[in-house]
Amino acid sequence: MPTFVALLRGINVGKTRRIPMEGLRGMLAECGYGEVATLLNSGNVVFGAARGAAKDIAAKISAAIAGRFEIEVPVIVKTAKELQAIVAENPFASAVVDHSKLLVAFAQDSKALTSLLPIGKLVVAPEGFAIGKNAAYLYCARGILKSSAGVALLGKVGKGATSRNWGTVLKLNVLANERAA
């Protein structure tokens, strides 16, 4: 069964838009997905799916969340192989010591990735920004909330994407690779 990673945007970061991970795992199992595991409490799910394209699976999960939890949540789904490629193409990976200062922005398609281009104009050295084939990468040397580019990525400019810090991406990659093996 192919392994996928679902990334939910903007849940469990405040008092609204709360989704319990146990409930999310149960909902995905009810949708027919197998070996469901969550990472942290921020909407990171690794699971198996017998069939379906990532975009279709994302739409199905989003609709199920709306039905079960009564909230609209953008969901981005990547295959385990796509996640491996995202990790491999990160141009900042070897230079960053503090994983919390490096964000990876995931988008369902290349059009949503290109919508992140304006963030590049907000980058101030020693920050760095790059858009790869599968994701965008933002290094915020002084911290994400002290960076105009970081704030933009987390805000309206980045609404077509969801971001995770580098440490979380690496943990998801390990979990997805374990499931895919």
N, C-alpha and C. Protein backbone atom coordinates (compact mmCIF):
# COMPACT_ATOMS: atom_id res chain seq x y z
N MET A 1 0.86 -1.17 0.00
CA MET A 1 0.00 0.00 0.00
C MET A 1 0.90 1.24 0.00
N PRO A 2 0.76 2.14 -0.97
CA PRO A 2 1.59 3.35 -1.02
C PRO A 2 1.40 4.23 0.23
N THR A 3 2.48 4.87 0.63
CA THR A 3 2.47 5.73 1.81
C THR A 3 2.35 7.19 1.39
N PHE A 4 1.51 7.92 2.14
CA PHE A 4 1.27 9.33 1.89
C PHE A 4 1.46 10.12 3.18
N VAL A 5 1.67 11.41 3.01
CA VAL A 5 1.76 12.34 4.13
C VAL A 5 0.73 13.44 3.89
N ALA A 6 -0.14 13.68 4.87
CA ALA A 6 -1.11 14.77 4.80
C ALA A 6 -0.67 15.86 5.76
N LEU A 7 -0.73 17.09 5.28
CA LEU A 7 -0.36 18.26 6.07
C LEU A 7 -1.56 19.20 6.12
N LEU A 8 -2.10 19.40 7.30
CA LEU A 8 -3.26 20.26 7.47
C LEU A 8 -2.79 21.66 7.79
N ARG A 9 -3.41 22.65 7.19
CA ARG A 9 -2.99 24.04 7.40
C ARG A 9 -3.81 24.70 8.50
N GLY A 10 -3.12 25.28 9.46
CA GLY A 10 -3.74 26.18 10.44
C GLY A 10 -4.62 25.53 11.48
N ILE A 11 -4.32 24.32 11.88
CA ILE A 11 -5.13 23.72 12.96
C ILE A 11 -4.33 23.68 14.25
N ASN A 12 -5.05 23.71 15.35
CA ASN A 12 -4.48 23.56 16.69
C ASN A 12 -3.40 24.59 17.02
N VAL A 13 -3.51 25.79 16.44
CA VAL A 13 -2.55 26.85 16.76
C VAL A 13 -3.15 27.92 17.65
N GLY A 14 -4.43 27.88 17.88
CA GLY A 14 -5.12 28.82 18.77
C GLY A 14 -6.26 28.09 19.43
N LYS A 15 -7.24 28.85 19.89
CA LYS A 15 -8.39 28.23 20.56
C LYS A 15 -9.44 27.74 19.58
N THR A 16 -9.38 28.21 18.35
CA THR A 16 -10.33 27.76 17.34
C THR A 16 -9.64 26.78 16.40
N ARG A 17 -10.41 26.17 15.54
CA ARG A 17 -9.89 25.22 14.55
C ARG A 17 -9.10 24.10 15.22
N ARG A 18 -9.72 23.51 16.25
CA ARG A 18 -9.09 22.43 17.00
C ARG A 18 -9.52 21.07 16.44
N ILE A 19 -8.56 20.20 16.24
CA ILE A 19 -8.84 18.84 15.81
C ILE A 19 -7.98 17.91 16.67
N PRO A 20 -8.62 17.05 17.44
CA PRO A 20 -7.84 16.09 18.23
C PRO A 20 -7.20 15.06 17.31
N MET A 21 -5.94 14.77 17.55
CA MET A 21 -5.23 13.83 16.68
C MET A 21 -5.84 12.43 16.73
N GLU A 22 -6.33 12.02 17.87
CA GLU A 22 -6.99 10.71 17.96
C GLU A 22 -8.21 10.67 17.05
N GLY A 23 -8.98 11.76 17.05
CA GLY A 23 -10.15 11.85 16.18
C GLY A 23 -9.77 11.89 14.71
N LEU A 24 -8.69 12.57 14.40
CA LEU A 24 -8.21 12.64 13.03
C LEU A 24 -7.76 11.26 12.54
N ARG A 25 -7.03 10.54 13.38
CA ARG A 25 -6.59 9.19 13.01
C ARG A 25 -7.80 8.29 12.78
N GLY A 26 -8.79 8.36 13.66
CA GLY A 26 -9.99 7.55 13.51
C GLY A 26 -10.75 7.89 12.25
N MET A 27 -10.86 9.17 11.95
CA MET A 27 -11.57 9.60 10.75
C MET A 27 -10.87 9.07 9.49
N LEU A 28 -9.54 9.14 9.46
CA LEU A 28 -8.82 8.65 8.29
C LEU A 28 -8.99 7.13 8.14
N ALA A 29 -9.00 6.43 9.25
CA ALA A 29 -9.24 4.98 9.20
C ALA A 29 -10.64 4.70 8.64
N GLU A 30 -11.63 5.48 9.07
CA GLU A 30 -12.99 5.31 8.56
C GLU A 30 -13.08 5.62 7.07
N CYS A 31 -12.20 6.48 6.57
CA CYS A 31 -12.16 6.82 5.14
C CYS A 31 -11.48 5.72 4.33
N GLY A 32 -10.96 4.70 5.01
CA GLY A 32 -10.35 3.59 4.31
C GLY A 32 -8.83 3.61 4.24
N TYR A 33 -8.22 4.54 4.93
CA TYR A 33 -6.76 4.62 4.92
C TYR A 33 -6.19 3.75 6.02
N GLY A 34 -5.02 3.20 5.77
CA GLY A 34 -4.42 2.27 6.71
C GLY A 34 -3.16 2.79 7.36
N GLU A 35 -2.76 2.12 8.43
CA GLU A 35 -1.53 2.44 9.16
C GLU A 35 -1.40 3.95 9.42
N VAL A 36 -2.44 4.53 9.97
CA VAL A 36 -2.50 5.97 10.19
C VAL A 36 -1.71 6.34 11.44
N ALA A 37 -0.81 7.30 11.28
CA ALA A 37 -0.02 7.80 12.42
C ALA A 37 0.06 9.32 12.32
N THR A 38 -0.03 9.99 13.45
CA THR A 38 0.12 11.43 13.47
C THR A 38 1.44 11.78 14.14
N LEU A 39 1.95 12.95 13.80
CA LEU A 39 3.18 13.46 14.39
C LEU A 39 2.88 14.84 14.96
N LEU A 40 3.17 15.01 16.22
CA LEU A 40 2.89 16.25 16.94
C LEU A 40 1.38 16.49 16.97
N ASN A 41 0.97 17.69 17.30
CA ASN A 41 -0.45 18.00 17.43
C ASN A 41 -0.88 19.05 16.40
N SER A 42 -0.13 19.12 15.30
CA SER A 42 -0.38 20.21 14.36
C SER A 42 -0.79 19.75 12.97
N GLY A 43 -1.37 18.57 12.88
CA GLY A 43 -1.92 18.15 11.59
C GLY A 43 -0.92 17.55 10.64
N ASN A 44 -0.09 16.65 11.12
CA ASN A 44 0.86 15.92 10.28
C ASN A 44 0.46 14.45 10.36
N VAL A 45 0.09 13.87 9.24
CA VAL A 45 -0.41 12.50 9.24
C VAL A 45 0.31 11.68 8.18
N VAL A 46 0.75 10.49 8.57
CA VAL A 46 1.32 9.54 7.64
C VAL A 46 0.36 8.36 7.57
N PHE A 47 0.07 7.89 6.36
CA PHE A 47 -0.93 6.83 6.21
C PHE A 47 -0.72 6.10 4.89
N GLY A 48 -1.37 4.98 4.76
CA GLY A 48 -1.35 4.22 3.53
C GLY A 48 -2.69 4.35 2.81
N ALA A 49 -2.62 4.36 1.50
CA ALA A 49 -3.83 4.42 0.68
C ALA A 49 -3.69 3.43 -0.46
N ALA A 50 -4.69 2.60 -0.64
CA ALA A 50 -4.64 1.58 -1.68
C ALA A 50 -4.63 2.19 -3.07
N ARG A 51 -5.31 3.30 -3.22
CA ARG A 51 -5.38 3.94 -4.54
C ARG A 51 -5.72 5.41 -4.38
N GLY A 52 -5.49 6.15 -5.46
CA GLY A 52 -5.84 7.56 -5.48
C GLY A 52 -4.65 8.47 -5.67
N ALA A 53 -4.89 9.55 -6.38
CA ALA A 53 -3.87 10.57 -6.58
C ALA A 53 -3.83 11.47 -5.35
N ALA A 54 -2.66 12.02 -5.06
CA ALA A 54 -2.48 12.85 -3.87
C ALA A 54 -3.51 13.99 -3.81
N LYS A 55 -3.76 14.64 -4.93
CA LYS A 55 -4.71 15.76 -4.97
C LYS A 55 -6.13 15.29 -4.61
N ASP A 56 -6.52 14.14 -5.11
CA ASP A 56 -7.85 13.59 -4.81
C ASP A 56 -7.96 13.17 -3.34
N ILE A 57 -6.90 12.59 -2.82
CA ILE A 57 -6.89 12.19 -1.41
C ILE A 57 -6.99 13.43 -0.53
N ALA A 58 -6.28 14.50 -0.90
CA ALA A 58 -6.33 15.75 -0.13
C ALA A 58 -7.76 16.29 -0.08
N ALA A 59 -8.44 16.28 -1.23
CA ALA A 59 -9.83 16.76 -1.28
C ALA A 59 -10.75 15.89 -0.43
N LYS A 60 -10.55 14.59 -0.47
CA LYS A 60 -11.37 13.66 0.32
C LYS A 60 -11.17 13.90 1.82
N ILE A 61 -9.92 14.08 2.24
CA ILE A 61 -9.63 14.32 3.65
C ILE A 61 -10.22 15.65 4.10
N SER A 62 -10.06 16.68 3.29
CA SER A 62 -10.61 17.99 3.63
C SER A 62 -12.12 17.94 3.79
N ALA A 63 -12.80 17.24 2.88
CA ALA A 63 -14.25 17.10 2.96
C ALA A 63 -14.66 16.30 4.21
N ALA A 64 -13.91 15.27 4.53
CA ALA A 64 -14.22 14.47 5.73
C ALA A 64 -14.04 15.30 7.00
N ILE A 65 -13.01 16.13 7.03
CA ILE A 65 -12.78 17.01 8.19
C ILE A 65 -13.94 17.99 8.33
N ALA A 66 -14.38 18.56 7.22
CA ALA A 66 -15.50 19.49 7.26
C ALA A 66 -16.76 18.80 7.80
N GLY A 67 -16.98 17.58 7.36
CA GLY A 67 -18.14 16.84 7.83
C GLY A 67 -18.05 16.43 9.28
N ARG A 68 -16.91 15.99 9.72
CA ARG A 68 -16.73 15.47 11.08
C ARG A 68 -16.52 16.58 12.11
N PHE A 69 -15.65 17.53 11.79
CA PHE A 69 -15.25 18.54 12.77
C PHE A 69 -15.86 19.92 12.52
N GLU A 70 -16.59 20.03 11.40
CA GLU A 70 -17.29 21.26 11.03
C GLU A 70 -16.36 22.46 10.90
N ILE A 71 -15.19 22.23 10.31
CA ILE A 71 -14.27 23.32 9.98
C ILE A 71 -13.67 23.06 8.61
N GLU A 72 -13.41 24.13 7.91
CA GLU A 72 -12.77 24.05 6.60
C GLU A 72 -11.26 24.09 6.82
N VAL A 73 -10.57 23.07 6.36
CA VAL A 73 -9.13 22.97 6.55
C VAL A 73 -8.47 22.62 5.22
N PRO A 74 -7.60 23.49 4.73
CA PRO A 74 -6.82 23.10 3.55
C PRO A 74 -5.91 21.93 3.90
N VAL A 75 -5.86 20.94 3.03
CA VAL A 75 -5.05 19.75 3.24
C VAL A 75 -4.15 19.57 2.02
N ILE A 76 -2.89 19.34 2.27
CA ILE A 76 -1.93 19.06 1.21
C ILE A 76 -1.42 17.65 1.44
N VAL A 77 -1.44 16.85 0.38
CA VAL A 77 -0.99 15.46 0.48
C VAL A 77 0.19 15.25 -0.47
N LYS A 78 1.21 14.60 0.04
CA LYS A 78 2.39 14.23 -0.74
C LYS A 78 2.65 12.75 -0.56
N THR A 79 3.21 12.13 -1.56
CA THR A 79 3.62 10.74 -1.43
C THR A 79 4.92 10.70 -0.61
N ALA A 80 5.24 9.54 -0.08
CA ALA A 80 6.50 9.38 0.66
C ALA A 80 7.68 9.71 -0.25
N LYS A 81 7.58 9.34 -1.51
CA LYS A 81 8.65 9.62 -2.48
C LYS A 81 8.78 11.13 -2.72
N GLU A 82 7.65 11.83 -2.81
CA GLU A 82 7.70 13.29 -2.98
C GLU A 82 8.33 13.95 -1.76
N LEU A 83 8.00 13.45 -0.58
CA LEU A 83 8.60 14.01 0.64
C LEU A 83 10.10 13.79 0.64
N GLN A 84 10.55 12.64 0.22
CA GLN A 84 11.99 12.38 0.12
C GLN A 84 12.65 13.38 -0.83
N ALA A 85 12.01 13.66 -1.94
CA ALA A 85 12.55 14.63 -2.90
C ALA A 85 12.60 16.03 -2.30
N ILE A 86 11.59 16.38 -1.53
CA ILE A 86 11.55 17.70 -0.87
C ILE A 86 12.72 17.82 0.10
N VAL A 87 12.99 16.78 0.84
CA VAL A 87 14.12 16.80 1.77
C VAL A 87 15.43 16.90 0.99
N ALA A 88 15.57 16.13 -0.07
CA ALA A 88 16.80 16.09 -0.84
C ALA A 88 17.10 17.41 -1.55
N GLU A 89 16.07 18.14 -1.99
CA GLU A 89 16.31 19.36 -2.77
C GLU A 89 16.45 20.61 -1.92
N ASN A 90 16.40 20.50 -0.61
CA ASN A 90 16.51 21.68 0.26
C ASN A 90 17.90 22.30 0.14
N PRO A 91 17.99 23.52 -0.40
CA PRO A 91 19.31 24.13 -0.60
C PRO A 91 19.96 24.65 0.69
N PHE A 92 19.20 24.71 1.77
CA PHE A 92 19.73 25.26 3.03
C PHE A 92 20.02 24.18 4.07
N ALA A 93 19.69 22.95 3.78
CA ALA A 93 19.75 21.88 4.78
C ALA A 93 21.11 21.74 5.45
N SER A 94 22.17 21.79 4.69
CA SER A 94 23.49 21.56 5.28
C SER A 94 24.02 22.76 6.05
N ALA A 95 23.48 23.93 5.82
CA ALA A 95 23.99 25.15 6.46
C ALA A 95 23.24 25.52 7.73
N VAL A 96 22.09 24.90 7.98
CA VAL A 96 21.25 25.31 9.10
C VAL A 96 21.47 24.40 10.30
N VAL A 97 21.77 25.04 11.45
CA VAL A 97 21.95 24.31 12.69
C VAL A 97 20.64 24.26 13.47
N ASP A 98 19.93 25.39 13.52
CA ASP A 98 18.68 25.49 14.26
C ASP A 98 17.50 25.22 13.31
N HIS A 99 16.95 24.01 13.40
CA HIS A 99 15.88 23.60 12.49
C HIS A 99 14.62 24.44 12.61
N SER A 100 14.43 25.13 13.73
CA SER A 100 13.23 25.94 13.90
C SER A 100 13.28 27.21 13.05
N LYS A 101 14.43 27.54 12.50
CA LYS A 101 14.57 28.76 11.69
C LYS A 101 14.49 28.48 10.19
N LEU A 102 14.24 27.25 9.84
CA LEU A 102 14.13 26.87 8.44
C LEU A 102 12.74 26.30 8.20
N LEU A 103 11.97 26.97 7.35
CA LEU A 103 10.61 26.53 7.02
C LEU A 103 10.58 25.90 5.64
N VAL A 104 9.79 24.86 5.53
CA VAL A 104 9.50 24.25 4.24
C VAL A 104 8.03 24.49 3.97
N ALA A 105 7.73 25.11 2.82
CA ALA A 105 6.35 25.39 2.44
C ALA A 105 5.91 24.34 1.42
N PHE A 106 4.85 23.64 1.77
CA PHE A 106 4.29 22.61 0.92
C PHE A 106 3.07 23.16 0.19
N ALA A 107 2.95 22.85 -1.08
CA ALA A 107 1.78 23.23 -1.86
C ALA A 107 1.33 22.00 -2.64
N GLN A 108 0.06 21.94 -2.97
CA GLN A 108 -0.44 20.77 -3.69
C GLN A 108 0.04 20.75 -5.13
N ASP A 109 0.28 21.92 -5.70
CA ASP A 109 0.70 21.95 -7.11
C ASP A 109 1.69 23.08 -7.36
N SER A 110 2.27 23.08 -8.55
CA SER A 110 3.29 24.08 -8.88
C SER A 110 2.73 25.49 -8.97
N LYS A 111 1.45 25.64 -9.33
CA LYS A 111 0.85 26.97 -9.39
C LYS A 111 0.83 27.61 -8.00
N ALA A 112 0.49 26.84 -7.00
CA ALA A 112 0.49 27.37 -5.63
C ALA A 112 1.91 27.70 -5.18
N LEU A 113 2.89 26.94 -5.63
CA LEU A 113 4.28 27.25 -5.30
C LEU A 113 4.71 28.57 -5.92
N THR A 114 4.34 28.80 -7.18
CA THR A 114 4.74 30.05 -7.82
C THR A 114 4.06 31.26 -7.18
N SER A 115 2.93 31.05 -6.51
CA SER A 115 2.28 32.17 -5.82
C SER A 115 3.11 32.67 -4.64
N LEU A 116 4.13 31.90 -4.25
CA LEU A 116 5.01 32.29 -3.15
C LEU A 116 6.17 33.18 -3.61
N LEU A 117 6.32 33.40 -4.90
CA LEU A 117 7.42 34.21 -5.42
C LEU A 117 7.56 35.59 -4.75
N PRO A 118 6.47 36.30 -4.42
CA PRO A 118 6.62 37.61 -3.77
C PRO A 118 7.37 37.57 -2.43
N ILE A 119 7.41 36.42 -1.80
CA ILE A 119 8.13 36.31 -0.52
C ILE A 119 9.62 36.58 -0.72
N GLY A 120 10.14 36.21 -1.86
CA GLY A 120 11.56 36.44 -2.15
C GLY A 120 11.97 37.89 -2.04
N LYS A 121 11.07 38.80 -2.35
CA LYS A 121 11.37 40.24 -2.28
C LYS A 121 11.48 40.74 -0.85
N LEU A 122 10.97 39.96 0.11
CA LEU A 122 10.99 40.36 1.52
C LEU A 122 12.21 39.81 2.27
N VAL A 123 12.97 38.97 1.63
CA VAL A 123 14.12 38.34 2.27
C VAL A 123 15.26 39.35 2.45
N VAL A 124 15.80 39.38 3.67
CA VAL A 124 16.91 40.27 4.00
C VAL A 124 18.07 39.39 4.47
N ALA A 125 19.26 39.61 3.89
CA ALA A 125 20.44 38.82 4.26
C ALA A 125 20.64 38.89 5.78
N PRO A 126 20.97 37.80 6.39
CA PRO A 126 21.43 36.51 5.87
C PRO A 126 20.31 35.49 5.66
N GLU A 127 19.09 35.94 5.49
CA GLU A 127 17.99 35.02 5.20
C GLU A 127 18.18 34.44 3.80
N GLY A 128 17.45 33.37 3.54
CA GLY A 128 17.48 32.78 2.22
C GLY A 128 16.12 32.23 1.85
N PHE A 129 15.80 32.28 0.56
CA PHE A 129 14.52 31.78 0.07
C PHE A 129 14.75 31.10 -1.27
N ALA A 130 14.15 29.95 -1.46
CA ALA A 130 14.27 29.23 -2.72
C ALA A 130 12.98 28.46 -2.97
N ILE A 131 12.60 28.40 -4.22
CA ILE A 131 11.47 27.57 -4.62
C ILE A 131 12.03 26.42 -5.43
N GLY A 132 11.79 25.22 -4.95
CA GLY A 132 12.23 24.02 -5.63
C GLY A 132 11.13 23.44 -6.49
N LYS A 133 11.35 22.26 -6.97
CA LYS A 133 10.37 21.58 -7.81
C LYS A 133 9.13 21.18 -7.01
N ASN A 134 9.33 20.83 -5.73
CA ASN A 134 8.26 20.26 -4.93
C ASN A 134 7.85 21.09 -3.71
N ALA A 135 8.65 22.10 -3.35
CA ALA A 135 8.38 22.88 -2.14
C ALA A 135 9.18 24.18 -2.21
N ALA A 136 8.88 25.07 -1.26
CA ALA A 136 9.66 26.30 -1.11
C ALA A 136 10.36 26.23 0.24
N TYR A 137 11.49 26.91 0.34
CA TYR A 137 12.33 26.85 1.54
C TYR A 137 12.66 28.27 1.97
N LEU A 138 12.46 28.54 3.25
CA LEU A 138 12.76 29.87 3.78
C LEU A 138 13.60 29.73 5.04
N TYR A 139 14.79 30.29 5.00
CA TYR A 139 15.66 30.31 6.16
C TYR A 139 15.57 31.69 6.79
N CYS A 140 15.16 31.74 8.04
CA CYS A 140 15.00 32.98 8.79
C CYS A 140 16.07 33.01 9.89
N ALA A 141 17.19 33.61 9.59
CA ALA A 141 18.35 33.58 10.49
C ALA A 141 18.05 34.13 11.88
N ARG A 142 17.20 35.14 11.97
CA ARG A 142 16.89 35.76 13.27
C ARG A 142 15.59 35.23 13.88
N GLY A 143 15.00 34.26 13.24
CA GLY A 143 13.74 33.69 13.73
C GLY A 143 12.61 34.02 12.78
N ILE A 144 11.63 33.16 12.74
CA ILE A 144 10.53 33.29 11.78
C ILE A 144 9.70 34.54 12.01
N LEU A 145 9.34 34.81 13.26
CA LEU A 145 8.48 35.96 13.54
C LEU A 145 9.22 37.29 13.50
N LYS A 146 10.55 37.26 13.40
CA LYS A 146 11.34 38.49 13.24
C LYS A 146 11.67 38.75 11.78
N SER A 147 11.13 37.92 10.91
CA SER A 147 11.39 38.01 9.48
C SER A 147 10.12 38.42 8.75
N SER A 148 10.21 39.46 7.94
CA SER A 148 9.06 39.87 7.12
C SER A 148 8.66 38.75 6.17
N ALA A 149 9.65 38.06 5.64
CA ALA A 149 9.37 36.95 4.73
C ALA A 149 8.68 35.81 5.49
N GLY A 150 9.13 35.53 6.71
CA GLY A 150 8.51 34.49 7.52
C GLY A 150 7.07 34.79 7.86
N VAL A 151 6.82 36.03 8.25
CA VAL A 151 5.45 36.45 8.57
C VAL A 151 4.56 36.35 7.33
N ALA A 152 5.10 36.74 6.17
CA ALA A 152 4.32 36.67 4.93
C ALA A 152 4.00 35.22 4.57
N LEU A 153 4.97 34.33 4.74
CA LEU A 153 4.75 32.93 4.42
C LEU A 153 3.67 32.33 5.32
N LEU A 154 3.68 32.69 6.58
CA LEU A 154 2.68 32.17 7.51
C LEU A 154 1.32 32.86 7.35
N GLY A 155 1.30 33.99 6.67
CA GLY A 155 0.08 34.78 6.51
C GLY A 155 -0.58 34.62 5.16
N LYS A 156 -1.14 35.72 4.67
CA LYS A 156 -1.95 35.69 3.45
C LYS A 156 -1.17 35.31 2.20
N VAL A 157 0.08 35.73 2.10
CA VAL A 157 0.86 35.40 0.91
C VAL A 157 1.02 33.88 0.80
N GLY A 158 1.15 33.22 1.93
CA GLY A 158 1.34 31.77 1.94
C GLY A 158 0.07 30.96 2.07
N LYS A 159 -1.09 31.56 1.81
CA LYS A 159 -2.36 30.86 2.05
C LYS A 159 -2.56 29.63 1.17
N GLY A 160 -1.87 29.54 0.06
CA GLY A 160 -1.99 28.36 -0.81
C GLY A 160 -1.04 27.24 -0.42
N ALA A 161 -0.34 27.44 0.67
CA ALA A 161 0.64 26.45 1.11
C ALA A 161 0.50 26.25 2.62
N THR A 162 1.18 25.26 3.12
CA THR A 162 1.31 25.08 4.56
C THR A 162 2.77 24.83 4.84
N SER A 163 3.25 25.32 5.95
CA SER A 163 4.68 25.20 6.22
C SER A 163 4.94 24.40 7.49
N ARG A 164 6.11 23.79 7.51
CA ARG A 164 6.59 23.05 8.67
C ARG A 164 8.06 23.41 8.86
N ASN A 165 8.51 23.39 10.12
CA ASN A 165 9.94 23.64 10.30
C ASN A 165 10.72 22.40 9.88
N TRP A 166 12.00 22.60 9.65
CA TRP A 166 12.85 21.56 9.10
C TRP A 166 12.89 20.32 10.00
N GLY A 167 12.90 20.51 11.31
CA GLY A 167 12.91 19.38 12.22
C GLY A 167 11.68 18.50 12.04
N THR A 168 10.52 19.11 11.90
CA THR A 168 9.28 18.35 11.70
C THR A 168 9.31 17.62 10.36
N VAL A 169 9.82 18.29 9.33
CA VAL A 169 9.91 17.65 8.00
C VAL A 169 10.80 16.41 8.06
N LEU A 170 11.92 16.53 8.75
CA LEU A 170 12.82 15.37 8.86
C LEU A 170 12.15 14.22 9.61
N LYS A 171 11.42 14.53 10.68
CA LYS A 171 10.72 13.49 11.43
C LYS A 171 9.63 12.83 10.57
N LEU A 172 8.89 13.64 9.81
CA LEU A 172 7.87 13.08 8.91
C LEU A 172 8.50 12.18 7.85
N ASN A 173 9.64 12.60 7.34
CA ASN A 173 10.33 11.82 6.33
C ASN A 173 10.75 10.46 6.89
N VAL A 174 11.28 10.43 8.11
CA VAL A 174 11.66 9.16 8.74
C VAL A 174 10.42 8.27 8.92
N LEU A 175 9.34 8.84 9.44
CA LEU A 175 8.11 8.08 9.66
C LEU A 175 7.55 7.53 8.33
N ALA A 176 7.53 8.38 7.31
CA ALA A 176 7.01 7.94 6.01
C ALA A 176 7.89 6.86 5.40
N ASN A 177 9.20 6.99 5.54
CA ASN A 177 10.11 5.97 4.99
C ASN A 177 9.97 4.65 5.73
N GLU A 178 9.76 4.70 7.05
CA GLU A 178 9.53 3.48 7.82
C GLU A 178 8.27 2.77 7.34
N ARG A 179 7.22 3.55 7.07
CA ARG A 179 5.95 2.97 6.63
C ARG A 179 6.05 2.44 5.21
N ALA A 180 6.83 3.12 4.36
CA ALA A 180 6.94 2.75 2.96
C ALA A 180 7.82 1.50 2.76
N ALA A 181 8.69 1.23 3.72
CA ALA A 181 9.63 0.11 3.57
C ALA A 181 8.96 -1.24 3.67
